[in-house]
Amino acid sequence: MSDSDITIPLSKPLKAHGEEISQIVLREPTSEDIIELGEPRLYIPSQDGVNTGIEIRMPVVARYIMRLGSIPMNSVKALPRADLSRCTAAVMHFFGDGDGETKSDSPPGSSMSPISGG
């Protein structure tokens, strides 16, 4: 495991490659990954030309989760919504969008984090 890997604990175990897993470890994407899969976000300029919106491209994010986490697409599709959200935040972290953390009820400074770096 690399220092740049992100571990996402799952809210309930999931089947992947015939085995039960309780977490997904996403490795950092390579240039080859980005060239083959594309950007996980789409920038949308506003009509005023000043503001920009961002669309998260979930089919692309799902392919990143599959590839970076080495799990099959049917396992990605079986993720509970909350786990998919945490995996999405982790993928976006690799692209400079967010800190790889999702909001939680843990107090500031708490060691309880839904996503942790390696």
PDB file of N, CA and C in Angstrom:
ATOM      1  N   MET A   1       0.834  -1.172   0.000  1.00  0.00           N
ATOM      2  CA  MET A   1       0.000   0.000   0.000  1.00  0.00           C
ATOM      3  C   MET A   1       0.886   1.245   0.000  1.00  0.00           C
ATOM      4  N   SER A   2       0.512   2.234  -0.786  1.00  0.00           N
ATOM      5  CA  SER A   2       1.268   3.469  -0.919  1.00  0.00           C
ATOM      6  C   SER A   2       0.726   4.534   0.037  1.00  0.00           C
ATOM      7  N   ASP A   3       1.547   5.530   0.329  1.00  0.00           N
ATOM      8  CA  ASP A   3       1.113   6.637   1.185  1.00  0.00           C
ATOM      9  C   ASP A   3      -0.046   7.407   0.569  1.00  0.00           C
ATOM     10  N   SER A   4      -0.177   7.360  -0.749  1.00  0.00           N
ATOM     11  CA  SER A   4      -1.243   8.114  -1.415  1.00  0.00           C
ATOM     12  C   SER A   4      -2.531   7.301  -1.565  1.00  0.00           C
ATOM     13  N   ASP A   5      -2.513   6.039  -1.167  1.00  0.00           N
ATOM     14  CA  ASP A   5      -3.728   5.214  -1.217  1.00  0.00           C
ATOM     15  C   ASP A   5      -4.751   5.747  -0.224  1.00  0.00           C
ATOM     16  N   ILE A   6      -6.020   5.584  -0.559  1.00  0.00           N
ATOM     17  CA  ILE A   6      -7.101   5.989   0.336  1.00  0.00           C
ATOM     18  C   ILE A   6      -7.943   4.761   0.651  1.00  0.00           C
ATOM     19  N   THR A   7      -8.156   4.514   1.943  1.00  0.00           N
ATOM     20  CA  THR A   7      -8.939   3.378   2.399  1.00  0.00           C
ATOM     21  C   THR A   7     -10.334   3.850   2.788  1.00  0.00           C
ATOM     22  N   ILE A   8     -11.346   3.198   2.231  1.00  0.00           N
ATOM     23  CA  ILE A   8     -12.739   3.512   2.535  1.00  0.00           C
ATOM     24  C   ILE A   8     -13.350   2.322   3.253  1.00  0.00           C
ATOM     25  N   PRO A   9     -13.613   2.434   4.555  1.00  0.00           N
ATOM     26  CA  PRO A   9     -14.300   1.352   5.262  1.00  0.00           C
ATOM     27  C   PRO A   9     -15.751   1.298   4.785  1.00  0.00           C
ATOM     28  N   LEU A  10     -16.262   0.104   4.564  1.00  0.00           N
ATOM     29  CA  LEU A  10     -17.627  -0.056   4.071  1.00  0.00           C
ATOM     30  C   LEU A  10     -18.608  -0.195   5.226  1.00  0.00           C
ATOM     31  N   SER A  11     -19.818   0.312   5.033  1.00  0.00           N
ATOM     32  CA  SER A  11     -20.841   0.236   6.073  1.00  0.00           C
ATOM     33  C   SER A  11     -21.343  -1.190   6.265  1.00  0.00           C
ATOM     34  N   LYS A  12     -21.224  -1.999   5.215  1.00  0.00           N
ATOM     35  CA  LYS A  12     -21.523  -3.424   5.324  1.00  0.00           C
ATOM     36  C   LYS A  12     -20.642  -4.157   4.311  1.00  0.00           C
ATOM     37  N   PRO A  13     -20.254  -5.387   4.623  1.00  0.00           N
ATOM     38  CA  PRO A  13     -19.370  -6.131   3.716  1.00  0.00           C
ATOM     39  C   PRO A  13     -19.982  -6.278   2.324  1.00  0.00           C
ATOM     40  N   LEU A  14     -19.094  -6.431   1.346  1.00  0.00           N
ATOM     41  CA  LEU A  14     -19.471  -6.487  -0.062  1.00  0.00           C
ATOM     42  C   LEU A  14     -18.731  -7.647  -0.711  1.00  0.00           C
ATOM     43  N   LYS A  15     -19.333  -8.288  -1.682  1.00  0.00           N
ATOM     44  CA  LYS A  15     -18.660  -9.357  -2.436  1.00  0.00           C
ATOM     45  C   LYS A  15     -17.892  -8.749  -3.601  1.00  0.00           C
ATOM     46  N   ALA A  16     -16.640  -9.167  -3.741  1.00  0.00           N
ATOM     47  CA  ALA A  16     -15.798  -8.755  -4.869  1.00  0.00           C
ATOM     48  C   ALA A  16     -14.885  -9.922  -5.206  1.00  0.00           C
ATOM     49  N   HIS A  17     -14.933 -10.357  -6.441  1.00  0.00           N
ATOM     50  CA  HIS A  17     -14.128 -11.498  -6.893  1.00  0.00           C
ATOM     51  C   HIS A  17     -14.380 -12.735  -6.037  1.00  0.00           C
ATOM     52  N   GLY A  18     -15.640 -12.921  -5.600  1.00  0.00           N
ATOM     53  CA  GLY A  18     -16.014 -14.090  -4.822  1.00  0.00           C
ATOM     54  C   GLY A  18     -15.630 -14.041  -3.360  1.00  0.00           C
ATOM     55  N   GLU A  19     -15.035 -12.945  -2.927  1.00  0.00           N
ATOM     56  CA  GLU A  19     -14.638 -12.794  -1.530  1.00  0.00           C
ATOM     57  C   GLU A  19     -15.400 -11.650  -0.899  1.00  0.00           C
ATOM     58  N   GLU A  20     -15.586 -11.718   0.405  1.00  0.00           N
ATOM     59  CA  GLU A  20     -16.236 -10.644   1.136  1.00  0.00           C
ATOM     60  C   GLU A  20     -15.177  -9.625   1.543  1.00  0.00           C
ATOM     61  N   ILE A  21     -15.445  -8.346   1.247  1.00  0.00           N
ATOM     62  CA  ILE A  21     -14.514  -7.288   1.633  1.00  0.00           C
ATOM     63  C   ILE A  21     -15.227  -6.305   2.559  1.00  0.00           C
ATOM     64  N   SER A  22     -14.468  -5.701   3.466  1.00  0.00           N
ATOM     65  CA  SER A  22     -15.048  -4.740   4.407  1.00  0.00           C
ATOM     66  C   SER A  22     -14.508  -3.333   4.177  1.00  0.00           C
ATOM     67  N   GLN A  23     -13.608  -3.203   3.221  1.00  0.00           N
ATOM     68  CA  GLN A  23     -13.066  -1.892   2.869  1.00  0.00           C
ATOM     69  C   GLN A  23     -12.595  -1.916   1.425  1.00  0.00           C
ATOM     70  N   ILE A  24     -12.490  -0.728   0.848  1.00  0.00           N
ATOM     71  CA  ILE A  24     -11.942  -0.581  -0.500  1.00  0.00           C
ATOM     72  C   ILE A  24     -10.725   0.326  -0.375  1.00  0.00           C
ATOM     73  N   VAL A  25      -9.611  -0.117  -0.938  1.00  0.00           N
ATOM     74  CA  VAL A  25      -8.401   0.697  -0.956  1.00  0.00           C
ATOM     75  C   VAL A  25      -8.225   1.203  -2.383  1.00  0.00           C
ATOM     76  N   LEU A  26      -8.288   2.528  -2.549  1.00  0.00           N
ATOM     77  CA  LEU A  26      -8.105   3.132  -3.863  1.00  0.00           C
ATOM     78  C   LEU A  26      -6.675   3.625  -3.991  1.00  0.00           C
ATOM     79  N   ARG A  27      -6.000   3.179  -5.035  1.00  0.00           N
ATOM     80  CA  ARG A  27      -4.651   3.676  -5.304  1.00  0.00           C
ATOM     81  C   ARG A  27      -4.766   4.985  -6.094  1.00  0.00           C
ATOM     82  N   GLU A  28      -3.704   5.751  -6.114  1.00  0.00           N
ATOM     83  CA  GLU A  28      -3.698   6.997  -6.876  1.00  0.00           C
ATOM     84  C   GLU A  28      -3.739   6.683  -8.368  1.00  0.00           C
ATOM     85  N   PRO A  29      -4.546   7.424  -9.141  1.00  0.00           N
ATOM     86  CA  PRO A  29      -4.593   7.155 -10.580  1.00  0.00           C
ATOM     87  C   PRO A  29      -3.282   7.528 -11.270  1.00  0.00           C
ATOM     88  N   THR A  30      -2.939   6.748 -12.269  1.00  0.00           N
ATOM     89  CA  THR A  30      -1.759   7.032 -13.084  1.00  0.00           C
ATOM     90  C   THR A  30      -2.183   7.873 -14.284  1.00  0.00           C
ATOM     91  N   SER A  31      -1.206   8.379 -15.005  1.00  0.00           N
ATOM     92  CA  SER A  31      -1.509   9.112 -16.244  1.00  0.00           C
ATOM     93  C   SER A  31      -2.262   8.212 -17.213  1.00  0.00           C
ATOM     94  N   GLU A  32      -1.891   6.940 -17.272  1.00  0.00           N
ATOM     95  CA  GLU A  32      -2.583   5.997 -18.147  1.00  0.00           C
ATOM     96  C   GLU A  32      -4.058   5.870 -17.752  1.00  0.00           C
ATOM     97  N   ASP A  33      -4.341   5.790 -16.451  1.00  0.00           N
ATOM     98  CA  ASP A  33      -5.729   5.724 -15.986  1.00  0.00           C
ATOM     99  C   ASP A  33      -6.511   6.943 -16.473  1.00  0.00           C
ATOM    100  N   ILE A  34      -5.933   8.118 -16.304  1.00  0.00           N
ATOM    101  CA  ILE A  34      -6.616   9.358 -16.660  1.00  0.00           C
ATOM    102  C   ILE A  34      -6.836   9.447 -18.167  1.00  0.00           C
ATOM    103  N   ILE A  35      -5.842   9.047 -18.945  1.00  0.00           N
ATOM    104  CA  ILE A  35      -5.983   9.065 -20.404  1.00  0.00           C
ATOM    105  C   ILE A  35      -7.083   8.111 -20.844  1.00  0.00           C
ATOM    106  N   GLU A  36      -7.131   6.922 -20.246  1.00  0.00           N
ATOM    107  CA  GLU A  36      -8.114   5.917 -20.665  1.00  0.00           C
ATOM    108  C   GLU A  36      -9.519   6.181 -20.134  1.00  0.00           C
ATOM    109  N   LEU A  37      -9.629   6.721 -18.912  1.00  0.00           N
ATOM    110  CA  LEU A  37     -10.947   6.914 -18.299  1.00  0.00           C
ATOM    111  C   LEU A  37     -11.485   8.330 -18.445  1.00  0.00           C
ATOM    112  N   GLY A  38     -10.606   9.304 -18.583  1.00  0.00           N
ATOM    113  CA  GLY A  38     -11.036  10.694 -18.690  1.00  0.00           C
ATOM    114  C   GLY A  38     -11.209  11.357 -17.339  1.00  0.00           C
ATOM    115  N   GLU A  39     -11.641  12.590 -17.364  1.00  0.00           N
ATOM    116  CA  GLU A  39     -11.865  13.373 -16.158  1.00  0.00           C
ATOM    117  C   GLU A  39     -13.163  12.950 -15.483  1.00  0.00           C
ATOM    118  N   PRO A  40     -13.179  12.877 -14.150  1.00  0.00           N
ATOM    119  CA  PRO A  40     -14.404  12.505 -13.447  1.00  0.00           C
ATOM    120  C   PRO A  40     -15.355  13.685 -13.247  1.00  0.00           C
ATOM    121  N   ARG A  41     -14.971  14.833 -13.743  1.00  0.00           N
ATOM    122  CA  ARG A  41     -15.811  16.026 -13.584  1.00  0.00           C
ATOM    123  C   ARG A  41     -15.882  16.775 -14.915  1.00  0.00           C
ATOM    124  N   LEU A  42     -16.936  17.554 -15.053  1.00  0.00           N
ATOM    125  CA  LEU A  42     -17.139  18.369 -16.243  1.00  0.00           C
ATOM    126  C   LEU A  42     -17.390  19.790 -15.767  1.00  0.00           C
ATOM    127  N   TYR A  43     -16.596  20.735 -16.261  1.00  0.00           N
ATOM    128  CA  TYR A  43     -16.781  22.136 -15.890  1.00  0.00           C
ATOM    129  C   TYR A  43     -17.832  22.748 -16.804  1.00  0.00           C
ATOM    130  N   ILE A  44     -18.785  23.462 -16.200  1.00  0.00           N
ATOM    131  CA  ILE A  44     -19.884  24.058 -16.947  1.00  0.00           C
ATOM    132  C   ILE A  44     -19.866  25.566 -16.700  1.00  0.00           C
ATOM    133  N   PRO A  45     -19.504  26.352 -17.727  1.00  0.00           N
ATOM    134  CA  PRO A  45     -19.496  27.807 -17.533  1.00  0.00           C
ATOM    135  C   PRO A  45     -20.921  28.345 -17.425  1.00  0.00           C
ATOM    136  N   SER A  46     -21.080  29.372 -16.605  1.00  0.00           N
ATOM    137  CA  SER A  46     -22.401  29.984 -16.460  1.00  0.00           C
ATOM    138  C   SER A  46     -22.630  30.959 -17.613  1.00  0.00           C
ATOM    139  N   GLN A  47     -23.853  31.384 -17.757  1.00  0.00           N
ATOM    140  CA  GLN A  47     -24.184  32.324 -18.825  1.00  0.00           C
ATOM    141  C   GLN A  47     -23.480  33.663 -18.636  1.00  0.00           C
ATOM    142  N   ASP A  48     -23.209  34.032 -17.373  1.00  0.00           N
ATOM    143  CA  ASP A  48     -22.546  35.312 -17.140  1.00  0.00           C
ATOM    144  C   ASP A  48     -21.041  35.244 -17.403  1.00  0.00           C
ATOM    145  N   GLY A  49     -20.512  34.045 -17.598  1.00  0.00           N
ATOM    146  CA  GLY A  49     -19.096  33.886 -17.891  1.00  0.00           C
ATOM    147  C   GLY A  49     -18.198  34.061 -16.685  1.00  0.00           C
ATOM    148  N   VAL A  50     -18.767  34.312 -15.520  1.00  0.00           N
ATOM    149  CA  VAL A  50     -17.983  34.551 -14.318  1.00  0.00           C
ATOM    150  C   VAL A  50     -17.890  33.292 -13.464  1.00  0.00           C
ATOM    151  N   ASN A  51     -19.003  32.631 -13.280  1.00  0.00           N
ATOM    152  CA  ASN A  51     -19.057  31.448 -12.426  1.00  0.00           C
ATOM    153  C   ASN A  51     -18.939  30.174 -13.253  1.00  0.00           C
ATOM    154  N   THR A  52     -18.494  29.130 -12.595  1.00  0.00           N
ATOM    155  CA  THR A  52     -18.379  27.829 -13.247  1.00  0.00           C
ATOM    156  C   THR A  52     -19.017  26.782 -12.354  1.00  0.00           C
ATOM    157  N   GLY A  53     -19.821  25.918 -12.947  1.00  0.00           N
ATOM    158  CA  GLY A  53     -20.385  24.798 -12.219  1.00  0.00           C
ATOM    159  C   GLY A  53     -19.569  23.555 -12.505  1.00  0.00           C
ATOM    160  N   ILE A  54     -19.689  22.580 -11.640  1.00  0.00           N
ATOM    161  CA  ILE A  54     -18.987  21.312 -11.840  1.00  0.00           C
ATOM    162  C   ILE A  54     -20.003  20.184 -11.789  1.00  0.00           C
ATOM    163  N   GLU A  55     -19.978  19.345 -12.796  1.00  0.00           N
ATOM    164  CA  GLU A  55     -20.820  18.151 -12.815  1.00  0.00           C
ATOM    165  C   GLU A  55     -19.938  16.945 -12.530  1.00  0.00           C
ATOM    166  N   ILE A  56     -20.322  16.158 -11.534  1.00  0.00           N
ATOM    167  CA  ILE A  56     -19.608  14.910 -11.247  1.00  0.00           C
ATOM    168  C   ILE A  56     -20.117  13.874 -12.234  1.00  0.00           C
ATOM    169  N   ARG A  57     -19.233  13.292 -12.998  1.00  0.00           N
ATOM    170  CA  ARG A  57     -19.587  12.307 -14.017  1.00  0.00           C
ATOM    171  C   ARG A  57     -19.544  10.908 -13.386  1.00  0.00           C
ATOM    172  N   MET A  58     -20.684  10.487 -12.812  1.00  0.00           N
ATOM    173  CA  MET A  58     -20.730   9.246 -12.037  1.00  0.00           C
ATOM    174  C   MET A  58     -20.327   7.999 -12.827  1.00  0.00           C
ATOM    175  N   PRO A  59     -20.659   7.855 -14.113  1.00  0.00           N
ATOM    176  CA  PRO A  59     -20.166   6.672 -14.827  1.00  0.00           C
ATOM    177  C   PRO A  59     -18.629   6.620 -14.869  1.00  0.00           C
ATOM    178  N   VAL A  60     -17.999   7.789 -14.983  1.00  0.00           N
ATOM    179  CA  VAL A  60     -16.531   7.844 -14.979  1.00  0.00           C
ATOM    180  C   VAL A  60     -16.004   7.550 -13.575  1.00  0.00           C
ATOM    181  N   VAL A  61     -16.631   8.135 -12.557  1.00  0.00           N
ATOM    182  CA  VAL A  61     -16.230   7.880 -11.169  1.00  0.00           C
ATOM    183  C   VAL A  61     -16.334   6.386 -10.860  1.00  0.00           C
ATOM    184  N   ALA A  62     -17.415   5.760 -11.297  1.00  0.00           N
ATOM    185  CA  ALA A  62     -17.602   4.319 -11.053  1.00  0.00           C
ATOM    186  C   ALA A  62     -16.480   3.505 -11.687  1.00  0.00           C
ATOM    187  N   ARG A  63     -16.060   3.893 -12.891  1.00  0.00           N
ATOM    188  CA  ARG A  63     -14.944   3.174 -13.539  1.00  0.00           C
ATOM    189  C   ARG A  63     -13.640   3.386 -12.780  1.00  0.00           C
ATOM    190  N   TYR A  64     -13.442   4.589 -12.213  1.00  0.00           N
ATOM    191  CA  TYR A  64     -12.255   4.821 -11.375  1.00  0.00           C
ATOM    192  C   TYR A  64     -12.304   3.955 -10.113  1.00  0.00           C
ATOM    193  N   ILE A  65     -13.461   3.874  -9.461  1.00  0.00           N
ATOM    194  CA  ILE A  65     -13.579   3.034  -8.265  1.00  0.00           C
ATOM    195  C   ILE A  65     -13.242   1.594  -8.612  1.00  0.00           C
ATOM    196  N   MET A  66     -13.763   1.111  -9.729  1.00  0.00           N
ATOM    197  CA  MET A  66     -13.512  -0.248 -10.181  1.00  0.00           C
ATOM    198  C   MET A  66     -12.014  -0.463 -10.424  1.00  0.00           C
ATOM    199  N   ARG A  67     -11.416   0.443 -11.162  1.00  0.00           N
ATOM    200  CA  ARG A  67     -10.016   0.273 -11.562  1.00  0.00           C
ATOM    201  C   ARG A  67      -9.051   0.520 -10.406  1.00  0.00           C
ATOM    202  N   LEU A  68      -9.234   1.612  -9.682  1.00  0.00           N
ATOM    203  CA  LEU A  68      -8.295   1.953  -8.606  1.00  0.00           C
ATOM    204  C   LEU A  68      -8.454   1.040  -7.400  1.00  0.00           C
ATOM    205  N   GLY A  69      -9.670   0.521  -7.203  1.00  0.00           N
ATOM    206  CA  GLY A  69      -9.930  -0.372  -6.078  1.00  0.00           C
ATOM    207  C   GLY A  69      -9.832  -1.839  -6.430  1.00  0.00           C
ATOM    208  N   SER A  70      -9.582  -2.135  -7.708  1.00  0.00           N
ATOM    209  CA  SER A  70      -9.467  -3.525  -8.186  1.00  0.00           C
ATOM    210  C   SER A  70     -10.679  -4.367  -7.800  1.00  0.00           C
ATOM    211  N   ILE A  71     -11.860  -3.804  -8.017  1.00  0.00           N
ATOM    212  CA  ILE A  71     -13.093  -4.556  -7.776  1.00  0.00           C
ATOM    213  C   ILE A  71     -13.932  -4.529  -9.055  1.00  0.00           C
ATOM    214  N   PRO A  72     -14.767  -5.536  -9.266  1.00  0.00           N
ATOM    215  CA  PRO A  72     -15.585  -5.563 -10.482  1.00  0.00           C
ATOM    216  C   PRO A  72     -16.710  -4.524 -10.439  1.00  0.00           C
ATOM    217  N   MET A  73     -17.196  -4.142 -11.609  1.00  0.00           N
ATOM    218  CA  MET A  73     -18.249  -3.133 -11.697  1.00  0.00           C
ATOM    219  C   MET A  73     -19.510  -3.566 -10.957  1.00  0.00           C
ATOM    220  N   ASN A  74     -19.832  -4.871 -10.986  1.00  0.00           N
ATOM    221  CA  ASN A  74     -21.045  -5.288 -10.262  1.00  0.00           C
ATOM    222  C   ASN A  74     -20.904  -5.032  -8.755  1.00  0.00           C
ATOM    223  N   SER A  75     -19.690  -5.052  -8.221  1.00  0.00           N
ATOM    224  CA  SER A  75     -19.468  -4.712  -6.808  1.00  0.00           C
ATOM    225  C   SER A  75     -19.628  -3.207  -6.591  1.00  0.00           C
ATOM    226  N   VAL A  76     -19.146  -2.407  -7.538  1.00  0.00           N
ATOM    227  CA  VAL A  76     -19.323  -0.953  -7.442  1.00  0.00           C
ATOM    228  C   VAL A  76     -20.814  -0.627  -7.442  1.00  0.00           C
ATOM    229  N   LYS A  77     -21.556  -1.271  -8.333  1.00  0.00           N
ATOM    230  CA  LYS A  77     -22.994  -1.022  -8.436  1.00  0.00           C
ATOM    231  C   LYS A  77     -23.755  -1.490  -7.200  1.00  0.00           C
ATOM    232  N   ALA A  78     -23.180  -2.410  -6.434  1.00  0.00           N
ATOM    233  CA  ALA A  78     -23.833  -2.936  -5.231  1.00  0.00           C
ATOM    234  C   ALA A  78     -23.523  -2.102  -3.980  1.00  0.00           C
ATOM    235  N   LEU A  79     -22.656  -1.098  -4.105  1.00  0.00           N
ATOM    236  CA  LEU A  79     -22.308  -0.276  -2.942  1.00  0.00           C
ATOM    237  C   LEU A  79     -23.535   0.456  -2.410  1.00  0.00           C
ATOM    238  N   PRO A  80     -23.723   0.470  -1.101  1.00  0.00           N
ATOM    239  CA  PRO A  80     -24.775   1.318  -0.532  1.00  0.00           C
ATOM    240  C   PRO A  80     -24.475   2.787  -0.865  1.00  0.00           C
ATOM    241  N   ARG A  81     -25.515   3.605  -0.921  1.00  0.00           N
ATOM    242  CA  ARG A  81     -25.368   5.008  -1.312  1.00  0.00           C
ATOM    243  C   ARG A  81     -24.293   5.732  -0.503  1.00  0.00           C
ATOM    244  N   ALA A  82     -24.273   5.538   0.805  1.00  0.00           N
ATOM    245  CA  ALA A  82     -23.293   6.235   1.653  1.00  0.00           C
ATOM    246  C   ALA A  82     -21.859   5.815   1.304  1.00  0.00           C
ATOM    247  N   ASP A  83     -21.650   4.530   1.044  1.00  0.00           N
ATOM    248  CA  ASP A  83     -20.312   4.055   0.665  1.00  0.00           C
ATOM    249  C   ASP A  83     -19.917   4.580  -0.703  1.00  0.00           C
ATOM    250  N   LEU A  84     -20.877   4.627  -1.625  1.00  0.00           N
ATOM    251  CA  LEU A  84     -20.601   5.192  -2.950  1.00  0.00           C
ATOM    252  C   LEU A  84     -20.209   6.659  -2.815  1.00  0.00           C
ATOM    253  N   SER A  85     -20.868   7.386  -1.947  1.00  0.00           N
ATOM    254  CA  SER A  85     -20.535   8.804  -1.727  1.00  0.00           C
ATOM    255  C   SER A  85     -19.113   8.958  -1.183  1.00  0.00           C
ATOM    256  N   ARG A  86     -18.727   8.091  -0.240  1.00  0.00           N
ATOM    257  CA  ARG A  86     -17.366   8.160   0.306  1.00  0.00           C
ATOM    258  C   ARG A  86     -16.329   7.793  -0.764  1.00  0.00           C
ATOM    259  N   CYS A  87     -16.633   6.805  -1.582  1.00  0.00           N
ATOM    260  CA  CYS A  87     -15.719   6.433  -2.675  1.00  0.00           C
ATOM    261  C   CYS A  87     -15.614   7.564  -3.691  1.00  0.00           C
ATOM    262  N   THR A  88     -16.736   8.213  -3.983  1.00  0.00           N
ATOM    263  CA  THR A  88     -16.734   9.347  -4.913  1.00  0.00           C
ATOM    264  C   THR A  88     -15.861  10.470  -4.371  1.00  0.00           C
ATOM    265  N   ALA A  89     -15.997  10.788  -3.070  1.00  0.00           N
ATOM    266  CA  ALA A  89     -15.175  11.832  -2.455  1.00  0.00           C
ATOM    267  C   ALA A  89     -13.695  11.487  -2.555  1.00  0.00           C
ATOM    268  N   ALA A  90     -13.362  10.208  -2.378  1.00  0.00           N
ATOM    269  CA  ALA A  90     -11.964   9.780  -2.460  1.00  0.00           C
ATOM    270  C   ALA A  90     -11.428   9.943  -3.877  1.00  0.00           C
ATOM    271  N   VAL A  91     -12.213   9.537  -4.874  1.00  0.00           N
ATOM    272  CA  VAL A  91     -11.781   9.695  -6.269  1.00  0.00           C
ATOM    273  C   VAL A  91     -11.575  11.179  -6.574  1.00  0.00           C
ATOM    274  N   MET A  92     -12.530  12.013  -6.170  1.00  0.00           N
ATOM    275  CA  MET A  92     -12.421  13.443  -6.459  1.00  0.00           C
ATOM    276  C   MET A  92     -11.215  14.064  -5.748  1.00  0.00           C
ATOM    277  N   HIS A  93     -10.858  13.525  -4.595  1.00  0.00           N
ATOM    278  CA  HIS A  93      -9.670  13.991  -3.874  1.00  0.00           C
ATOM    279  C   HIS A  93      -8.421  13.865  -4.754  1.00  0.00           C
ATOM    280  N   PHE A  94      -8.316  12.776  -5.490  1.00  0.00           N
ATOM    281  CA  PHE A  94      -7.160  12.575  -6.361  1.00  0.00           C
ATOM    282  C   PHE A  94      -7.074  13.648  -7.450  1.00  0.00           C
ATOM    283  N   PHE A  95      -8.180  14.288  -7.748  1.00  0.00           N
ATOM    284  CA  PHE A  95      -8.225  15.308  -8.792  1.00  0.00           C
ATOM    285  C   PHE A  95      -8.277  16.720  -8.210  1.00  0.00           C
ATOM    286  N   GLY A  96      -7.962  16.839  -6.915  1.00  0.00           N
ATOM    287  CA  GLY A  96      -7.892  18.142  -6.284  1.00  0.00           C
ATOM    288  C   GLY A  96      -9.227  18.715  -5.876  1.00  0.00           C
ATOM    289  N   ASP A  97     -10.279  17.906  -5.900  1.00  0.00           N
ATOM    290  CA  ASP A  97     -11.608  18.353  -5.507  1.00  0.00           C
ATOM    291  C   ASP A  97     -11.942  17.761  -4.152  1.00  0.00           C
ATOM    292  N   GLY A  98     -11.794  18.543  -3.107  1.00  0.00           N
ATOM    293  CA  GLY A  98     -12.104  18.054  -1.773  1.00  0.00           C
ATOM    294  C   GLY A  98     -10.873  17.478  -1.116  1.00  0.00           C
ATOM    295  N   ASP A  99     -11.060  17.077   0.125  1.00  0.00           N
ATOM    296  CA  ASP A  99      -9.946  16.560   0.903  1.00  0.00           C
ATOM    297  C   ASP A  99     -10.021  15.051   1.088  1.00  0.00           C
ATOM    298  N   GLY A 100     -10.946  14.398   0.355  1.00  0.00           N
ATOM    299  CA  GLY A 100     -11.080  12.959   0.505  1.00  0.00           C
ATOM    300  C   GLY A 100     -11.879  12.583   1.728  1.00  0.00           C
ATOM    301  N   GLU A 101     -12.405  13.564   2.425  1.00  0.00           N
ATOM    302  CA  GLU A 101     -13.207  13.330   3.623  1.00  0.00           C
ATOM    303  C   GLU A 101     -14.663  13.599   3.290  1.00  0.00           C
ATOM    304  N   THR A 102     -15.519  12.940   3.985  1.00  0.00           N
ATOM    305  CA  THR A 102     -16.931  13.259   3.882  1.00  0.00           C
ATOM    306  C   THR A 102     -17.373  13.798   5.223  1.00  0.00           C
ATOM    307  N   LYS A 103     -18.443  14.548   5.228  1.00  0.00           N
ATOM    308  CA  LYS A 103     -18.927  15.115   6.480  1.00  0.00           C
ATOM    309  C   LYS A 103     -19.353  13.990   7.411  1.00  0.00           C
ATOM    310  N   SER A 104     -19.020  14.155   8.677  1.00  0.00           N
ATOM    311  CA  SER A 104     -19.433  13.172   9.669  1.00  0.00           C
ATOM    312  C   SER A 104     -19.846  13.919  10.929  1.00  0.00           C
ATOM    313  N   ASP A 105     -20.400  13.195  11.853  1.00  0.00           N
ATOM    314  CA  ASP A 105     -20.812  13.794  13.113  1.00  0.00           C
ATOM    315  C   ASP A 105     -19.689  13.778  14.136  1.00  0.00           C
ATOM    316  N   SER A 106     -18.500  13.344  13.726  1.00  0.00           N
ATOM    317  CA  SER A 106     -17.382  13.276  14.662  1.00  0.00           C
ATOM    318  C   SER A 106     -16.939  14.683  15.036  1.00  0.00           C
ATOM    319  N   PRO A 107     -16.590  14.906  16.289  1.00  0.00           N
ATOM    320  CA  PRO A 107     -16.127  16.229  16.700  1.00  0.00           C
ATOM    321  C   PRO A 107     -14.783  16.549  16.066  1.00  0.00           C
ATOM    322  N   PRO A 108     -14.470  17.857  15.900  1.00  0.00           N
ATOM    323  CA  PRO A 108     -13.171  18.234  15.351  1.00  0.00           C
ATOM    324  C   PRO A 108     -12.050  17.617  16.172  1.00  0.00           C
ATOM    325  N   GLY A 109     -11.018  17.158  15.479  1.00  0.00           N
ATOM    326  CA  GLY A 109      -9.892  16.541  16.158  1.00  0.00           C
ATOM    327  C   GLY A 109     -10.114  15.086  16.504  1.00  0.00           C
ATOM    328  N   SER A 110     -11.289  14.568  16.215  1.00  0.00           N
ATOM    329  CA  SER A 110     -11.591  13.169  16.497  1.00  0.00           C
ATOM    330  C   SER A 110     -10.837  12.276  15.533  1.00  0.00           C
ATOM    331  N   SER A 111     -10.475  11.098  15.985  1.00  0.00           N
ATOM    332  CA  SER A 111      -9.793  10.153  15.096  1.00  0.00           C
ATOM    333  C   SER A 111     -10.787   9.348  14.276  1.00  0.00           C
ATOM    334  N   MET A 112     -12.073   9.582  14.465  1.00  0.00           N
ATOM    335  CA  MET A 112     -13.103   8.870  13.725  1.00  0.00           C
ATOM    336  C   MET A 112     -13.268   9.534  12.373  1.00  0.00           C
ATOM    337  N   SER A 113     -12.720   8.932  11.328  1.00  0.00           N
ATOM    338  CA  SER A 113     -12.805   9.482   9.984  1.00  0.00           C
ATOM    339  C   SER A 113     -13.333   8.410   9.056  1.00  0.00           C
ATOM    340  N   PRO A 114     -14.308   8.749   8.187  1.00  0.00           N
ATOM    341  CA  PRO A 114     -14.855   7.742   7.305  1.00  0.00           C
ATOM    342  C   PRO A 114     -13.882   7.287   6.228  1.00  0.00           C
ATOM    343  N   ILE A 115     -12.882   8.116   5.932  1.00  0.00           N
ATOM    344  CA  ILE A 115     -11.908   7.785   4.895  1.00  0.00           C
ATOM    345  C   ILE A 115     -10.543   8.096   5.470  1.00  0.00           C
ATOM    346  N   SER A 116      -9.582   7.206   5.242  1.00  0.00           N
ATOM    347  CA  SER A 116      -8.258   7.485   5.768  1.00  0.00           C
ATOM    348  C   SER A 116      -7.207   7.216   4.719  1.00  0.00           C
ATOM    349  N   GLY A 117      -6.171   8.030   4.700  1.00  0.00           N
ATOM    350  CA  GLY A 117      -5.039   7.811   3.824  1.00  0.00           C
ATOM    351  C   GLY A 117      -4.129   6.762   4.417  1.00  0.00           C
ATOM    352  N   GLY A 118      -3.375   6.077   3.527  1.00  0.00           N
ATOM    353  CA  GLY A 118      -2.651   4.948   3.880  1.00  0.00           C
ATOM    354  C   GLY A 118      -1.585   4.947   4.837  1.00  0.00           C
TER     355      GLY A 118
END
